[in-house]
């Protein structure tokens, strides 16, 4: 049986879900971002208990087909940007469409209708979050980050970063370094 969970976007979330399933005596086949597969069918009562325990941890068990599809779209994007070692070689729309086995226009329309933003805007926001992470790790140059996240140029990355955050990547990095030094001095 497959169950879909909203706000499940990190490894920590996966651990929480696994713990809750074990507490309930349910056996999972796998726990992935936004989705779990359990061996047993669960009763309405078990579903209620799971729903409440997940809510207490900031997660939500989904019932609605549209919301389940939205979560699948979000999880494909989050996995692609934050956890994948390599970006897909085809464009994002083809990748998402192939991964979910739906027409991209259908996915795009539902996503925009429910979330109020386009899939492309969601991708941009997450790419910028990833840029912030990579800047803070200080392991890659801006050029390397630009290449890793498939920007056409450093200028393109910088322009998009500034549109989303209001700051240049370089200024963002200096602010974080100043904040870190101030915390160390305290």
Protein backbone atom coordinates (compact mmCIF):
# COMPACT_ATOMS: atom_id res chain seq x y z
CA UNK A 1 0.00 0.00 0.00
CA UNK A 2 1.32 3.44 -0.96
CA UNK A 3 0.77 6.49 1.23
CA UNK A 4 1.68 10.06 0.35
CA UNK A 5 2.95 12.61 2.84
CA UNK A 6 3.10 16.38 2.49
CA UNK A 7 6.09 18.43 3.78
CA UNK A 8 8.34 15.37 3.74
CA UNK A 9 11.41 16.96 2.21
CA UNK A 10 14.46 15.82 4.18
CA UNK A 11 16.25 12.81 5.54
CA UNK A 12 15.10 13.84 9.02
CA UNK A 13 11.48 13.61 7.85
CA UNK A 14 12.14 10.12 6.53
CA UNK A 15 13.52 9.07 9.93
CA UNK A 16 10.46 10.48 11.73
CA UNK A 17 8.09 8.58 9.43
CA UNK A 18 10.03 5.33 9.87
CA UNK A 19 9.87 5.73 13.67
CA UNK A 20 6.11 6.35 13.58
CA UNK A 21 5.51 3.31 11.37
CA UNK A 22 7.57 1.12 13.70
CA UNK A 23 5.65 2.44 16.75
CA UNK A 24 2.42 1.43 15.03
CA UNK A 25 3.76 -2.01 14.14
CA UNK A 26 3.56 -1.31 10.41
CA UNK A 27 6.21 -2.76 8.10
CA UNK A 28 7.51 -0.49 5.37
CA UNK A 29 9.01 -1.55 2.07
CA UNK A 30 10.52 1.89 1.56
CA UNK A 31 10.23 5.43 2.84
CA UNK A 32 11.06 8.07 0.26
CA UNK A 33 10.52 11.82 0.04
CA UNK A 34 6.77 12.31 0.04
CA UNK A 35 5.90 8.63 -0.27
CA UNK A 36 5.96 5.46 1.76
CA UNK A 37 5.09 1.92 0.84
CA UNK A 38 3.91 -0.43 3.57
CA UNK A 39 3.29 -4.14 3.39
CA UNK A 40 -0.08 -4.13 5.14
CA UNK A 41 -3.35 -2.45 4.28
CA UNK A 42 -4.18 -0.08 7.09
CA UNK A 43 -7.55 0.34 8.75
CA UNK A 44 -9.37 3.69 9.03
CA UNK A 45 -8.38 3.79 12.71
CA UNK A 46 -4.70 3.17 11.93
CA UNK A 47 -4.86 5.84 9.23
CA UNK A 48 -6.28 8.34 11.77
CA UNK A 49 -3.55 7.50 14.29
CA UNK A 50 -0.83 7.84 11.64
CA UNK A 51 -2.34 11.11 10.41
CA UNK A 52 -2.31 12.60 13.93
CA UNK A 53 1.23 11.43 14.74
CA UNK A 54 2.51 12.84 11.45
CA UNK A 55 0.73 16.15 12.06
CA UNK A 56 2.44 16.40 15.45
CA UNK A 57 5.74 16.19 13.57
CA UNK A 58 4.81 18.81 10.97
CA UNK A 59 3.89 16.31 8.26
CA UNK A 60 0.53 15.65 6.62
CA UNK A 61 -0.92 12.42 5.28
CA UNK A 62 -2.52 13.20 1.91
CA UNK A 63 -5.86 11.89 0.63
CA UNK A 64 -6.64 14.19 -2.30
CA UNK A 65 -5.33 13.04 -5.73
CA UNK A 66 -4.35 16.56 -6.85
CA UNK A 67 -2.34 17.19 -3.69
CA UNK A 68 -0.68 13.80 -4.03
CA UNK A 69 0.38 14.69 -7.58
CA UNK A 70 1.64 18.13 -6.46
CA UNK A 71 3.75 16.45 -3.76
CA UNK A 72 5.15 14.04 -6.34
CA UNK A 73 6.13 16.97 -8.58
CA UNK A 74 7.75 18.81 -5.68
CA UNK A 75 9.62 15.71 -4.56
CA UNK A 76 11.00 15.04 -8.05
CA UNK A 77 12.27 18.63 -8.18
CA UNK A 78 13.72 18.57 -4.66
CA UNK A 79 15.41 15.24 -5.29
CA UNK A 80 16.80 16.51 -8.61
CA UNK A 81 18.19 19.77 -7.19
CA UNK A 82 19.23 18.93 -3.65
CA UNK A 83 20.11 15.23 -3.62
CA UNK A 84 21.06 14.16 -7.14
CA UNK A 85 24.73 14.02 -8.07
CA UNK A 86 23.98 15.07 -11.65
CA UNK A 87 21.25 17.11 -13.24
CA UNK A 88 19.21 15.52 -16.03
CA UNK A 89 20.56 16.00 -19.53
CA UNK A 90 17.12 16.67 -21.01
CA UNK A 91 15.18 19.80 -20.09
CA UNK A 92 13.32 19.83 -16.78
CA UNK A 93 9.86 19.54 -18.29
CA UNK A 94 10.80 16.32 -20.12
CA UNK A 95 12.54 14.93 -17.03
CA UNK A 96 9.56 15.61 -14.73
CA UNK A 97 7.10 14.32 -17.31
CA UNK A 98 9.05 11.09 -17.82
CA UNK A 99 9.60 10.56 -14.10
CA UNK A 100 5.91 10.94 -13.24
CA UNK A 101 4.54 9.50 -16.49
CA UNK A 102 2.18 12.41 -17.14
CA UNK A 103 2.00 15.05 -19.86
CA UNK A 104 3.99 18.09 -18.71
CA UNK A 105 1.22 20.55 -19.63
CA UNK A 106 -1.19 18.64 -17.38
CA UNK A 107 1.33 18.65 -14.51
CA UNK A 108 2.10 22.31 -15.06
CA UNK A 109 -1.56 23.36 -15.07
CA UNK A 110 -2.40 21.45 -11.88
CA UNK A 111 0.72 22.71 -10.12
CA UNK A 112 -0.01 26.35 -11.00
CA UNK A 113 -3.67 26.00 -10.08
CA UNK A 114 -2.96 24.52 -6.64
CA UNK A 115 0.32 26.24 -5.68
CA UNK A 116 -0.20 29.63 -7.32
CA UNK A 117 3.26 29.51 -8.92
CA UNK A 118 4.64 27.73 -11.96
CA UNK A 119 6.82 24.63 -11.82
CA UNK A 120 9.60 26.75 -13.33
CA UNK A 121 9.33 29.28 -10.48
CA UNK A 122 9.45 26.44 -7.96
CA UNK A 123 12.58 25.08 -9.65
CA UNK A 124 14.25 28.50 -9.58
CA UNK A 125 13.55 28.97 -5.87
CA UNK A 126 15.06 25.58 -5.10
CA UNK A 127 18.05 26.15 -7.34
CA UNK A 128 18.76 29.39 -5.48
CA UNK A 129 18.44 27.56 -2.14
CA UNK A 130 20.98 25.06 -3.44
CA UNK A 131 23.28 27.89 -4.54
CA UNK A 132 23.09 29.32 -1.01
CA UNK A 133 24.07 25.94 0.47
CA UNK A 134 26.96 25.52 -1.94
CA UNK A 135 28.19 29.07 -1.27
CA UNK A 136 28.23 28.41 2.45
CA UNK A 137 30.16 25.13 2.09
CA UNK A 138 32.90 27.13 0.32
CA UNK A 139 33.97 24.04 -1.60
CA UNK A 140 33.03 25.31 -5.06
CA UNK A 141 33.60 28.56 -6.91
CA UNK A 142 30.65 30.47 -8.35
CA UNK A 143 31.69 29.23 -11.80
CA UNK A 144 31.63 25.61 -10.60
CA UNK A 145 28.26 26.13 -8.90
CA UNK A 146 26.93 27.67 -12.11
CA UNK A 147 28.06 24.64 -14.10
CA UNK A 148 26.81 22.10 -11.55
CA UNK A 149 23.32 23.63 -11.52
CA UNK A 150 23.30 23.99 -15.31
CA UNK A 151 23.17 27.77 -15.57
CA UNK A 152 24.19 29.11 -18.95
CA UNK A 153 26.68 31.46 -17.27
CA UNK A 154 27.76 32.91 -13.93
CA UNK A 155 25.98 36.12 -14.94
CA UNK A 156 22.71 34.21 -15.41
CA UNK A 157 23.08 32.59 -11.98
CA UNK A 158 23.92 35.95 -10.37
CA UNK A 159 20.94 37.70 -12.00
CA UNK A 160 18.55 34.96 -10.90
CA UNK A 161 20.05 34.93 -7.39
CA UNK A 162 19.59 38.68 -7.10
CA UNK A 163 15.99 38.52 -8.37
CA UNK A 164 15.09 35.92 -5.74
CA UNK A 165 17.12 37.14 -2.73
CA UNK A 166 17.72 40.81 -3.47
CA UNK A 167 21.48 40.20 -2.99
CA UNK A 168 24.36 39.21 -5.21
CA UNK A 169 25.87 35.79 -4.48
CA UNK A 170 29.14 37.42 -3.40
CA UNK A 171 27.41 39.82 -1.02
CA UNK A 172 25.30 36.97 0.39
CA UNK A 173 28.45 34.99 1.11
CA UNK A 174 30.12 37.95 2.85
CA UNK A 175 27.04 38.51 5.01
CA UNK A 176 27.08 34.88 6.11
CA UNK A 177 30.81 35.04 6.87
CA UNK A 178 30.33 38.22 8.96
CA UNK A 179 27.45 36.59 10.86
CA UNK A 180 29.55 33.47 11.51
CA UNK A 181 32.49 35.58 12.80
CA UNK A 182 30.16 37.57 15.06
CA UNK A 183 28.81 34.34 16.55
CA UNK A 184 32.34 33.04 17.12
CA UNK A 185 33.30 36.29 18.93
CA UNK A 186 30.41 35.98 21.37
